[in-house]
Amino acid sequence: MMAAEIGPREICGIALVLFLLAPKQWFWKLCLDLLGWKLQGTLPSCRKCVVACYPHTSGWDLLYGLFLVNGVPEDSKIMMKASLTWMKLLGLPVQAVSRGKNAGQADALAKSFQSVSSRWLWLWISGTRKKSDFISSGFYYIAREGGVAIVFGGIDYRTKSFIASAPHDPQKLSKEEVLKLYQEFARKHDLANSGCIPGNASTIVFRDAAKKAK
């Protein structure tokens, strides 16, 4: 657990300095090792996939996410809000998106898989560091329309570890089936309590189901 919360700008500044000093995969892995972080098991051998991560509770997630993404052999992009577009201009592996334009952006992100031979698109399913009563289903539509697999990703500050599931095929699974699998994945690893700020963990239900429950 960190002594104090830091904002995305501070995290991005630190990551940028490291990126400019040593833009090599081995260096990013070394950073994780020195900080005591590790990967539980192995990453699936997918050329293309959407990595749907949970929980997102702190700005620290951005820093560790950048470390991990830069250490992955495949071409990777980490999805962030539009205000962080400047990070992309400076060479960091960022896919900036604007909130409130979900449908168009999902289509564009799905089509982006067609022009590359490999791509891992990393995103947080809650879309916010604050607690929410639902998560976004955008990761499902991006993967389905892009014709790529979905990999569930978990971050655990208690054990300083990243967890990845086996790939799931959205062409063969409905949105509800994927949600159920994600809920099982989260329960198995107790991800509701694994974040930097556990109280900020969002509820793993889609927005439409959350509205019906009210």
Foldseek 3Di string as FASTA:
>chain_A
DDPDADALVVLLVVVLVVCVVDLALVVLVVVLVVVQAEADDDAEPFQEEEEAEDDQAGSVCVNNVQSVQSNDPHQEEEEDEQVVVVSVVSPRRYDYDHPPPLPVVLLVLLCVLVVDRGYYYYYYQQRDNAADQEGALSRLSSCQSNVHWYKYWYAAPVNNYIYIDYTDGSVPDPSVRVLVVNVVVCVVVVRCQGDPDSNRTYDSDHPVVSVVVD
